[in-house]
Amino acid sequence: MRISTAVMLTDESIHPVRLAQELEQRGFHGLYLPEHTHIPISRETPAPMGDPLPREYGRTVDPFVTLGAVAAVTERIGLGTAITLVAQHDPIVLAKQIATLDWMSGGRFTLGVGFGWNVEEAADHGVDWSRRRDLVRDRVALMRALWAEEPTAYKGEFGSVRASEAHPKPTRPRGPRLLLGGAAGPRLFSHIAEYADGWMPVGGRSLRESIPRLREVAPRAEVVPAYVAPSAGKLAHFRELGIEEVVVQLPSAEEGEVLRALDSYAQYL
């Protein structure tokens, strides 16, 4: 089972280049980064991880710029987002960013996609909260039209693009591996079956019950638990379920604390 990492990198934490080099030297499989463009002070949305919201949420670095720097100083580790808030992006610009990062890294990029939890953050991007899932699906379809080998037009409910020259292309015809985040349920699993390669649940609880339900509609979907606090028993459980990659959580902290966490997690490689 491949062991990747996820961390909320900030302007106060370990530098991304330093972390990436340590991950590659130590044999970890990959690095996934989250995304928040901003956190409104007037937020009324309850945080799913509990309030008060940790300081790092308002200080996260841009994942695409950061992963571009990581790609330049590594050769092997996978690069990914856990997750990208697709609804908050111009899909034409995002398609270019994703394709460029995947091309620069030699196909090492995984696009983790989420629907978000912060209503106020999304509202500042003009997102209608009740339609955000439909918006994400539409934007993924538009991006895939731009990633197609031949110029391909797309007209959807929320956006359109003319048949265009759009390069570079991702290394896979439909774009990089796409994992959808979210809580288990028929709606999420139907979206995975329709347009994703797999599911990225947070923490990995209740997977023994959830995975068979996912397999009913998406038999080949990958399951990649993210932000996992690892233990020998938990990882053995994931192996028993046939999971091939798990993303363990690193602290959003200065270099010494992060490297100590890596030393602790090395027993699972």
C-alpha atoms as a PDB file:
ATOM      1  CA  MET A   1       0.000   0.000   0.000  1.00  0.00           C
ATOM      2  CA  ARG A   2       1.355   3.381  -1.025  1.00  0.00           C
ATOM      3  CA  ILE A   3       1.741   5.969   1.749  1.00  0.00           C
ATOM      4  CA  SER A   4       1.261   9.571   0.666  1.00  0.00           C
ATOM      5  CA  THR A   5       0.989  12.697   2.811  1.00  0.00           C
ATOM      6  CA  ALA A   6      -1.286  15.711   3.124  1.00  0.00           C
ATOM      7  CA  VAL A   7      -0.530  18.938   4.926  1.00  0.00           C
ATOM      8  CA  MET A   8      -1.877  22.470   5.224  1.00  0.00           C
ATOM      9  CA  LEU A   9       1.215  24.361   4.159  1.00  0.00           C
ATOM     10  CA  THR A  10       1.256  28.024   5.141  1.00  0.00           C
ATOM     11  CA  ASP A  11       3.618  30.980   5.217  1.00  0.00           C
ATOM     12  CA  GLU A  12       4.466  29.893   8.787  1.00  0.00           C
ATOM     13  CA  SER A  13       5.076  26.164   8.229  1.00  0.00           C
ATOM     14  CA  ILE A  14       7.877  24.075   6.753  1.00  0.00           C
ATOM     15  CA  HIS A  15       8.861  25.309   3.290  1.00  0.00           C
ATOM     16  CA  PRO A  16       7.255  23.231   0.501  1.00  0.00           C
ATOM     17  CA  VAL A  17      10.537  22.582  -1.304  1.00  0.00           C
ATOM     18  CA  ARG A  18      12.193  21.327   1.863  1.00  0.00           C
ATOM     19  CA  LEU A  19       9.233  19.056   2.625  1.00  0.00           C
ATOM     20  CA  ALA A  20       9.100  17.683  -0.911  1.00  0.00           C
ATOM     21  CA  GLN A  21      12.767  16.779  -0.894  1.00  0.00           C
ATOM     22  CA  GLU A  22      12.416  15.014   2.456  1.00  0.00           C
ATOM     23  CA  LEU A  23       9.392  13.055   1.233  1.00  0.00           C
ATOM     24  CA  GLU A  24      11.183  11.863  -1.881  1.00  0.00           C
ATOM     25  CA  GLN A  25      14.379  10.943  -0.030  1.00  0.00           C
ATOM     26  CA  ARG A  26      12.450   8.994   2.603  1.00  0.00           C
ATOM     27  CA  GLY A  27      10.356   7.007   0.120  1.00  0.00           C
ATOM     28  CA  PHE A  28       6.880   8.466   0.617  1.00  0.00           C
ATOM     29  CA  HIS A  29       4.623   8.153  -2.398  1.00  0.00           C
ATOM     30  CA  GLY A  30       3.183  11.638  -2.712  1.00  0.00           C
ATOM     31  CA  LEU A  31       2.149  15.050  -1.411  1.00  0.00           C
ATOM     32  CA  TYR A  32      -1.418  16.383  -1.445  1.00  0.00           C
ATOM     33  CA  LEU A  33      -2.354  19.971  -0.600  1.00  0.00           C
ATOM     34  CA  PRO A  34      -5.704  21.546   0.315  1.00  0.00           C
ATOM     35  CA  GLU A  35      -7.190  24.785  -0.966  1.00  0.00           C
ATOM     36  CA  HIS A  36      -8.846  27.808   0.609  1.00  0.00           C
ATOM     37  CA  THR A  37      -8.635  31.078  -1.283  1.00  0.00           C
ATOM     38  CA  HIS A  38      -9.605  33.020   1.850  1.00  0.00           C
ATOM     39  CA  ILE A  39     -11.598  32.638   5.066  1.00  0.00           C
ATOM     40  CA  PRO A  40     -14.100  35.457   5.644  1.00  0.00           C
ATOM     41  CA  ILE A  41     -13.920  36.819   9.191  1.00  0.00           C
ATOM     42  CA  SER A  42     -17.718  37.065   9.288  1.00  0.00           C
ATOM     43  CA  ARG A  43     -18.033  33.309   8.685  1.00  0.00           C
ATOM     44  CA  GLU A  44     -21.270  31.839  10.006  1.00  0.00           C
ATOM     45  CA  THR A  45     -20.758  28.339   8.557  1.00  0.00           C
ATOM     46  CA  PRO A  46     -19.870  25.809  11.284  1.00  0.00           C
ATOM     47  CA  ALA A  47     -16.506  24.232  10.600  1.00  0.00           C
ATOM     48  CA  PRO A  48     -16.781  20.450  10.113  1.00  0.00           C
ATOM     49  CA  MET A  49     -13.609  19.946  12.153  1.00  0.00           C
ATOM     50  CA  GLY A  50     -14.994  22.104  14.964  1.00  0.00           C
ATOM     51  CA  ASP A  51     -14.643  25.714  16.024  1.00  0.00           C
ATOM     52  CA  PRO A  52     -12.647  27.802  16.543  1.00  0.00           C
ATOM     53  CA  LEU A  53     -11.211  27.258  13.107  1.00  0.00           C
ATOM     54  CA  PRO A  54      -7.459  26.533  13.308  1.00  0.00           C
ATOM     55  CA  ARG A  55      -5.195  29.431  12.356  1.00  0.00           C
ATOM     56  CA  GLU A  56      -3.725  27.633   9.325  1.00  0.00           C
ATOM     57  CA  TYR A  57      -7.024  27.652   7.420  1.00  0.00           C
ATOM     58  CA  GLY A  58      -6.677  31.354   6.725  1.00  0.00           C
ATOM     59  CA  ARG A  59      -3.005  31.085   5.748  1.00  0.00           C
ATOM     60  CA  THR A  60      -2.857  28.201   3.253  1.00  0.00           C
ATOM     61  CA  VAL A  61      -0.628  28.635   0.223  1.00  0.00           C
ATOM     62  CA  ASP A  62      -1.953  28.276  -3.318  1.00  0.00           C
ATOM     63  CA  PRO A  63      -1.744  24.557  -4.127  1.00  0.00           C
ATOM     64  CA  PHE A  64      -0.993  24.890  -7.840  1.00  0.00           C
ATOM     65  CA  VAL A  65       1.841  27.389  -7.491  1.00  0.00           C
ATOM     66  CA  THR A  66       3.266  25.334  -4.634  1.00  0.00           C
ATOM     67  CA  LEU A  67       3.027  22.004  -6.456  1.00  0.00           C
ATOM     68  CA  GLY A  68       4.727  23.581  -9.461  1.00  0.00           C
ATOM     69  CA  ALA A  69       7.695  24.365  -7.219  1.00  0.00           C
ATOM     70  CA  VAL A  70       7.559  20.828  -5.813  1.00  0.00           C
ATOM     71  CA  ALA A  71       7.537  19.338  -9.326  1.00  0.00           C
ATOM     72  CA  ALA A  72      10.695  21.263 -10.183  1.00  0.00           C
ATOM     73  CA  VAL A  73      12.725  19.787  -7.301  1.00  0.00           C
ATOM     74  CA  THR A  74      11.462  16.182  -7.363  1.00  0.00           C
ATOM     75  CA  GLU A  75      11.414  13.326  -9.846  1.00  0.00           C
ATOM     76  CA  ARG A  76       9.264  10.581  -8.337  1.00  0.00           C
ATOM     77  CA  ILE A  77       6.660  11.636  -5.792  1.00  0.00           C
ATOM     78  CA  GLY A  78       3.057  12.083  -6.800  1.00  0.00           C
ATOM     79  CA  LEU A  79       1.515  15.545  -6.576  1.00  0.00           C
ATOM     80  CA  GLY A  80      -2.112  16.195  -5.790  1.00  0.00           C
ATOM     81  CA  THR A  81      -4.811  18.381  -4.345  1.00  0.00           C
ATOM     82  CA  ALA A  82      -6.905  17.294  -1.397  1.00  0.00           C
ATOM     83  CA  ILE A  83      -8.914  19.075  -2.462  1.00  0.00           C
ATOM     84  CA  THR A  84      -9.465  21.693  -5.202  1.00  0.00           C
ATOM     85  CA  LEU A  85     -12.599  23.815  -4.828  1.00  0.00           C
ATOM     86  CA  VAL A  86     -13.479  23.653  -8.512  1.00  0.00           C
ATOM     87  CA  ALA A  87     -16.637  25.737  -8.100  1.00  0.00           C
ATOM     88  CA  GLN A  88     -14.479  28.692  -7.064  1.00  0.00           C
ATOM     89  CA  HIS A  89     -12.386  28.704 -10.276  1.00  0.00           C
ATOM     90  CA  ASP A  90     -12.737  29.905 -13.835  1.00  0.00           C
ATOM     91  CA  PRO A  91     -12.701  26.461 -15.521  1.00  0.00           C
ATOM     92  CA  ILE A  92     -10.785  27.621 -18.613  1.00  0.00           C
ATOM     93  CA  VAL A  93      -7.968  29.011 -16.473  1.00  0.00           C
ATOM     94  CA  LEU A  94      -8.063  26.009 -14.122  1.00  0.00           C
ATOM     95  CA  ALA A  95      -7.852  23.586 -17.060  1.00  0.00           C
ATOM     96  CA  LYS A  96      -4.658  25.329 -18.196  1.00  0.00           C
ATOM     97  CA  GLN A  97      -3.150  25.246 -14.694  1.00  0.00           C
ATOM     98  CA  ILE A  98      -3.901  21.556 -14.247  1.00  0.00           C
ATOM     99  CA  ALA A  99      -2.653  20.545 -17.676  1.00  0.00           C
ATOM    100  CA  THR A 100       0.545  22.550 -17.237  1.00  0.00           C
ATOM    101  CA  LEU A 101       1.277  21.067 -13.825  1.00  0.00           C
ATOM    102  CA  ASP A 102       0.594  17.526 -15.051  1.00  0.00           C
ATOM    103  CA  TRP A 103       2.806  18.079 -18.100  1.00  0.00           C
ATOM    104  CA  MET A 104       5.612  19.668 -16.068  1.00  0.00           C
ATOM    105  CA  SER A 105       5.619  16.792 -13.599  1.00  0.00           C
ATOM    106  CA  GLY A 106       5.528  14.034 -16.197  1.00  0.00           C
ATOM    107  CA  GLY A 107       2.000  12.924 -15.347  1.00  0.00           C
ATOM    108  CA  ARG A 108       2.405  12.857 -11.576  1.00  0.00           C
ATOM    109  CA  PHE A 109      -0.636  15.001 -10.764  1.00  0.00           C
ATOM    110  CA  THR A 110      -3.887  13.821  -9.124  1.00  0.00           C
ATOM    111  CA  LEU A 111      -6.848  16.187  -9.062  1.00  0.00           C
ATOM    112  CA  GLY A 112      -8.731  15.809  -5.811  1.00  0.00           C
ATOM    113  CA  VAL A 113     -12.045  17.661  -6.155  1.00  0.00           C
ATOM    114  CA  GLY A 114     -14.317  18.852  -3.374  1.00  0.00           C
ATOM    115  CA  PHE A 115     -17.588  20.727  -3.095  1.00  0.00           C
ATOM    116  CA  GLY A 116     -16.564  22.810  -0.089  1.00  0.00           C
ATOM    117  CA  TRP A 117     -18.025  23.515   3.351  1.00  0.00           C
ATOM    118  CA  ASN A 118     -17.539  27.277   3.757  1.00  0.00           C
ATOM    119  CA  VAL A 119     -20.643  29.026   2.434  1.00  0.00           C
ATOM    120  CA  GLU A 120     -19.198  32.516   2.860  1.00  0.00           C
ATOM    121  CA  GLU A 121     -15.980  31.681   1.007  1.00  0.00           C
ATOM    122  CA  ALA A 122     -17.946  30.250  -1.913  1.00  0.00           C
ATOM    123  CA  ALA A 123     -20.357  33.202  -1.944  1.00  0.00           C
ATOM    124  CA  ASP A 124     -17.472  35.612  -2.494  1.00  0.00           C
ATOM    125  CA  HIS A 125     -16.742  33.637  -5.674  1.00  0.00           C
ATOM    126  CA  GLY A 126     -20.348  34.010  -6.825  1.00  0.00           C
ATOM    127  CA  VAL A 127     -21.243  30.370  -6.134  1.00  0.00           C
ATOM    128  CA  ASP A 128     -24.890  29.466  -5.590  1.00  0.00           C
ATOM    129  CA  TRP A 129     -24.426  27.044  -2.688  1.00  0.00           C
ATOM    130  CA  SER A 130     -27.459  24.931  -3.541  1.00  0.00           C
ATOM    131  CA  ARG A 131     -26.133  24.301  -7.080  1.00  0.00           C
ATOM    132  CA  ARG A 132     -22.443  23.845  -6.357  1.00  0.00           C
ATOM    133  CA  ARG A 133     -22.392  20.102  -7.113  1.00  0.00           C
ATOM    134  CA  ASP A 134     -23.975  20.660 -10.508  1.00  0.00           C
ATOM    135  CA  LEU A 135     -21.539  23.525 -11.112  1.00  0.00           C
ATOM    136  CA  VAL A 136     -18.528  21.317 -10.333  1.00  0.00           C
ATOM    137  CA  ARG A 137     -19.746  18.578 -12.682  1.00  0.00           C
ATOM    138  CA  ASP A 138     -20.272  21.136 -15.452  1.00  0.00           C
ATOM    139  CA  ARG A 139     -16.827  22.664 -14.963  1.00  0.00           C
ATOM    140  CA  VAL A 140     -15.097  19.287 -15.029  1.00  0.00           C
ATOM    141  CA  ALA A 141     -16.830  18.519 -18.339  1.00  0.00           C
ATOM    142  CA  LEU A 142     -15.702  21.864 -19.760  1.00  0.00           C
ATOM    143  CA  MET A 143     -12.115  21.242 -18.692  1.00  0.00           C
ATOM    144  CA  ARG A 144     -12.153  17.816 -20.309  1.00  0.00           C
ATOM    145  CA  ALA A 145     -13.251  19.411 -23.579  1.00  0.00           C
ATOM    146  CA  LEU A 146     -10.143  21.609 -23.426  1.00  0.00           C
ATOM    147  CA  TRP A 147      -7.956  18.596 -22.596  1.00  0.00           C
ATOM    148  CA  ALA A 148      -9.224  16.598 -25.589  1.00  0.00           C
ATOM    149  CA  GLU A 149      -6.688  15.834 -28.317  1.00  0.00           C
ATOM    150  CA  GLU A 150      -8.781  17.520 -31.005  1.00  0.00           C
ATOM    151  CA  PRO A 151     -10.383  20.964 -30.575  1.00  0.00           C
ATOM    152  CA  THR A 152     -13.685  20.257 -28.853  1.00  0.00           C
ATOM    153  CA  ALA A 153     -16.518  22.651 -28.046  1.00  0.00           C
ATOM    154  CA  TYR A 154     -18.574  22.416 -24.884  1.00  0.00           C
ATOM    155  CA  LYS A 155     -21.822  24.087 -23.935  1.00  0.00           C
ATOM    156  CA  GLY A 156     -23.151  23.446 -20.455  1.00  0.00           C
ATOM    157  CA  GLU A 157     -25.614  24.922 -18.031  1.00  0.00           C
ATOM    158  CA  PHE A 158     -23.016  27.083 -16.297  1.00  0.00           C
ATOM    159  CA  GLY A 159     -20.397  27.714 -18.973  1.00  0.00           C
ATOM    160  CA  SER A 160     -19.216  27.045 -22.478  1.00  0.00           C
ATOM    161  CA  VAL A 161     -16.077  27.083 -24.567  1.00  0.00           C
ATOM    162  CA  ARG A 162     -15.526  27.129 -28.302  1.00  0.00           C
ATOM    163  CA  ALA A 163     -13.492  24.418 -30.002  1.00  0.00           C
ATOM    164  CA  SER A 164     -10.005  25.671 -29.218  1.00  0.00           C
ATOM    165  CA  GLU A 165      -6.306  24.999 -29.344  1.00  0.00           C
ATOM    166  CA  ALA A 166      -5.384  24.430 -25.704  1.00  0.00           C
ATOM    167  CA  HIS A 167      -1.923  23.157 -24.818  1.00  0.00           C
ATOM    168  CA  PRO A 168      -0.107  21.563 -23.087  1.00  0.00           C
ATOM    169  CA  LYS A 169      -2.257  18.479 -22.727  1.00  0.00           C
ATOM    170  CA  PRO A 170      -2.365  16.299 -19.609  1.00  0.00           C
ATOM    171  CA  THR A 171      -0.624  12.967 -20.028  1.00  0.00           C
ATOM    172  CA  ARG A 172      -3.944  11.067 -19.911  1.00  0.00           C
ATOM    173  CA  PRO A 173      -6.572  11.744 -22.596  1.00  0.00           C
ATOM    174  CA  ARG A 174      -9.344  12.603 -20.106  1.00  0.00           C
ATOM    175  CA  GLY A 175      -7.042  14.544 -17.850  1.00  0.00           C
ATOM    176  CA  PRO A 176      -5.285  13.552 -14.628  1.00  0.00           C
ATOM    177  CA  ARG A 177      -6.671  11.043 -12.162  1.00  0.00           C
ATOM    178  CA  LEU A 178      -9.725  12.650 -10.556  1.00  0.00           C
ATOM    179  CA  LEU A 179     -10.844  11.754  -7.037  1.00  0.00           C
ATOM    180  CA  LEU A 180     -14.032  13.193  -5.544  1.00  0.00           C
ATOM    181  CA  GLY A 181     -14.122  14.080  -1.873  1.00  0.00           C
ATOM    182  CA  GLY A 182     -17.208  14.028   0.302  1.00  0.00           C
ATOM    183  CA  ALA A 183     -19.281  11.966   2.684  1.00  0.00           C
ATOM    184  CA  ALA A 184     -20.527   8.543   1.597  1.00  0.00           C
ATOM    185  CA  GLY A 185     -23.954   8.500   0.035  1.00  0.00           C
ATOM    186  CA  PRO A 186     -25.921   7.775  -3.142  1.00  0.00           C
ATOM    187  CA  ARG A 187     -25.514  11.275  -4.564  1.00  0.00           C
ATOM    188  CA  LEU A 188     -21.731  11.364  -4.189  1.00  0.00           C
ATOM    189  CA  PHE A 189     -21.331   7.806  -5.448  1.00  0.00           C
ATOM    190  CA  SER A 190     -23.426   8.566  -8.531  1.00  0.00           C
ATOM    191  CA  HIS A 191     -21.142  11.505  -9.313  1.00  0.00           C
ATOM    192  CA  ILE A 192     -18.077   9.272  -8.915  1.00  0.00           C
ATOM    193  CA  ALA A 193     -19.579   6.737 -11.308  1.00  0.00           C
ATOM    194  CA  GLU A 194     -20.384   9.476 -13.798  1.00  0.00           C
ATOM    195  CA  TYR A 195     -17.181  11.481 -14.044  1.00  0.00           C
ATOM    196  CA  ALA A 196     -14.483  10.531 -11.502  1.00  0.00           C
ATOM    197  CA  ASP A 197     -11.847   7.844 -11.073  1.00  0.00           C
ATOM    198  CA  GLY A 198     -12.406   7.351  -7.381  1.00  0.00           C
ATOM    199  CA  TRP A 199     -13.335   8.566  -3.933  1.00  0.00           C
ATOM    200  CA  MET A 200     -11.208  10.507  -1.426  1.00  0.00           C
ATOM    201  CA  PRO A 201     -12.956  10.199   1.958  1.00  0.00           C
ATOM    202  CA  VAL A 202     -11.583  12.108   4.938  1.00  0.00           C
ATOM    203  CA  GLY A 203     -10.262   9.843   7.663  1.00  0.00           C
ATOM    204  CA  GLY A 204     -11.601   6.587   6.289  1.00  0.00           C
ATOM    205  CA  ARG A 205     -14.270   5.729   8.879  1.00  0.00           C
ATOM    206  CA  SER A 206     -16.975   3.157   8.034  1.00  0.00           C
ATOM    207  CA  LEU A 207     -15.283   2.106   4.802  1.00  0.00           C
ATOM    208  CA  ARG A 208     -16.207  -1.542   5.303  1.00  0.00           C
ATOM    209  CA  GLU A 209     -19.853  -0.530   4.896  1.00  0.00           C
ATOM    210  CA  SER A 210     -19.347   2.245   2.327  1.00  0.00           C
ATOM    211  CA  ILE A 211     -17.057   0.577  -0.210  1.00  0.00           C
ATOM    212  CA  PRO A 212     -19.548  -2.150  -1.239  1.00  0.00           C
ATOM    213  CA  ARG A 213     -22.177   0.556  -1.844  1.00  0.00           C
ATOM    214  CA  LEU A 214     -19.722   2.476  -4.005  1.00  0.00           C
ATOM    215  CA  ARG A 215     -18.794  -0.677  -5.941  1.00  0.00           C
ATOM    216  CA  GLU A 216     -22.445  -1.230  -6.852  1.00  0.00           C
ATOM    217  CA  VAL A 217     -22.411   1.873  -9.060  1.00  0.00           C
ATOM    218  CA  ALA A 218     -18.686   2.304  -9.746  1.00  0.00           C
ATOM    219  CA  PRO A 219     -16.981  -1.123  -9.710  1.00  0.00           C
ATOM    220  CA  ARG A 220     -13.544   0.168 -10.690  1.00  0.00           C
ATOM    221  CA  ALA A 221     -13.459   3.290  -8.536  1.00  0.00           C
ATOM    222  CA  GLU A 222     -10.346   3.777  -6.426  1.00  0.00           C
ATOM    223  CA  VAL A 223     -10.695   4.596  -2.741  1.00  0.00           C
ATOM    224  CA  VAL A 224      -7.966   6.839  -1.323  1.00  0.00           C
ATOM    225  CA  PRO A 225      -8.562   7.801   2.333  1.00  0.00           C
ATOM    226  CA  ALA A 226      -7.039  11.192   3.123  1.00  0.00           C
ATOM    227  CA  TYR A 227      -6.022  13.101   6.251  1.00  0.00           C
ATOM    228  CA  VAL A 228      -5.573   9.827   8.088  1.00  0.00           C
ATOM    229  CA  ALA A 229      -3.921   9.638  11.516  1.00  0.00           C
ATOM    230  CA  PRO A 230      -2.037   6.389  10.900  1.00  0.00           C
ATOM    231  CA  SER A 231      -1.669   3.378  13.124  1.00  0.00           C
ATOM    232  CA  ALA A 232      -0.591  -0.170  12.361  1.00  0.00           C
ATOM    233  CA  GLY A 233      -4.098  -1.470  12.959  1.00  0.00           C
ATOM    234  CA  LYS A 234      -5.796   1.141  10.819  1.00  0.00           C
ATOM    235  CA  LEU A 235      -3.443   0.597   7.889  1.00  0.00           C
ATOM    236  CA  ALA A 236      -3.851  -3.165   8.161  1.00  0.00           C
ATOM    237  CA  HIS A 237      -7.621  -2.620   7.996  1.00  0.00           C
ATOM    238  CA  PHE A 238      -7.222  -0.541   4.831  1.00  0.00           C
ATOM    239  CA  ARG A 239      -5.083  -3.255   3.230  1.00  0.00           C
ATOM    240  CA  GLU A 240      -7.724  -5.833   4.061  1.00  0.00           C
ATOM    241  CA  LEU A 241     -10.271  -3.668   2.218  1.00  0.00           C
ATOM    242  CA  GLY A 242      -8.052  -3.605  -0.890  1.00  0.00           C
ATOM    243  CA  ILE A 243      -7.039   0.036  -0.587  1.00  0.00           C
ATOM    244  CA  GLU A 244      -3.848   0.730  -2.526  1.00  0.00           C
ATOM    245  CA  GLU A 245      -3.056   4.297  -1.405  1.00  0.00           C
ATOM    246  CA  VAL A 246      -3.616   6.122   1.868  1.00  0.00           C
ATOM    247  CA  VAL A 247      -2.849   9.791   2.549  1.00  0.00           C
ATOM    248  CA  VAL A 248      -1.607  10.414   6.093  1.00  0.00           C
ATOM    249  CA  GLN A 249      -1.882  13.830   7.711  1.00  0.00           C
ATOM    250  CA  LEU A 250       1.167  15.869   8.616  1.00  0.00           C
ATOM    251  CA  PRO A 251       1.006  18.737  11.111  1.00  0.00           C
ATOM    252  CA  SER A 252       0.865  22.282   9.801  1.00  0.00           C
ATOM    253  CA  ALA A 253       3.991  23.227  11.673  1.00  0.00           C
ATOM    254  CA  GLU A 254       7.599  24.316  11.492  1.00  0.00           C
ATOM    255  CA  GLU A 255      10.254  22.085   9.993  1.00  0.00           C
ATOM    256  CA  GLY A 256      11.374  20.234  13.094  1.00  0.00           C
ATOM    257  CA  GLU A 257       7.883  19.072  14.051  1.00  0.00           C
ATOM    258  CA  VAL A 258       7.066  17.952  10.519  1.00  0.00           C
ATOM    259  CA  LEU A 259      10.291  15.988  10.174  1.00  0.00           C
ATOM    260  CA  ARG A 260       9.632  14.263  13.494  1.00  0.00           C
ATOM    261  CA  ALA A 261       6.227  13.232  12.166  1.00  0.00           C
ATOM    262  CA  LEU A 262       7.892  11.834   9.035  1.00  0.00           C
ATOM    263  CA  ASP A 263      10.305   9.870  11.213  1.00  0.00           C
ATOM    264  CA  SER A 264       7.319   8.414  13.067  1.00  0.00           C
ATOM    265  CA  TYR A 265       5.419   7.551   9.865  1.00  0.00           C
ATOM    266  CA  ALA A 266       8.452   5.930   8.233  1.00  0.00           C
ATOM    267  CA  GLN A 267       7.614   2.671  10.069  1.00  0.00           C
ATOM    268  CA  TYR A 268       4.614   2.268   7.769  1.00  0.00           C
ATOM    269  CA  LEU A 269       6.519   2.502   4.468  1.00  0.00           C
END
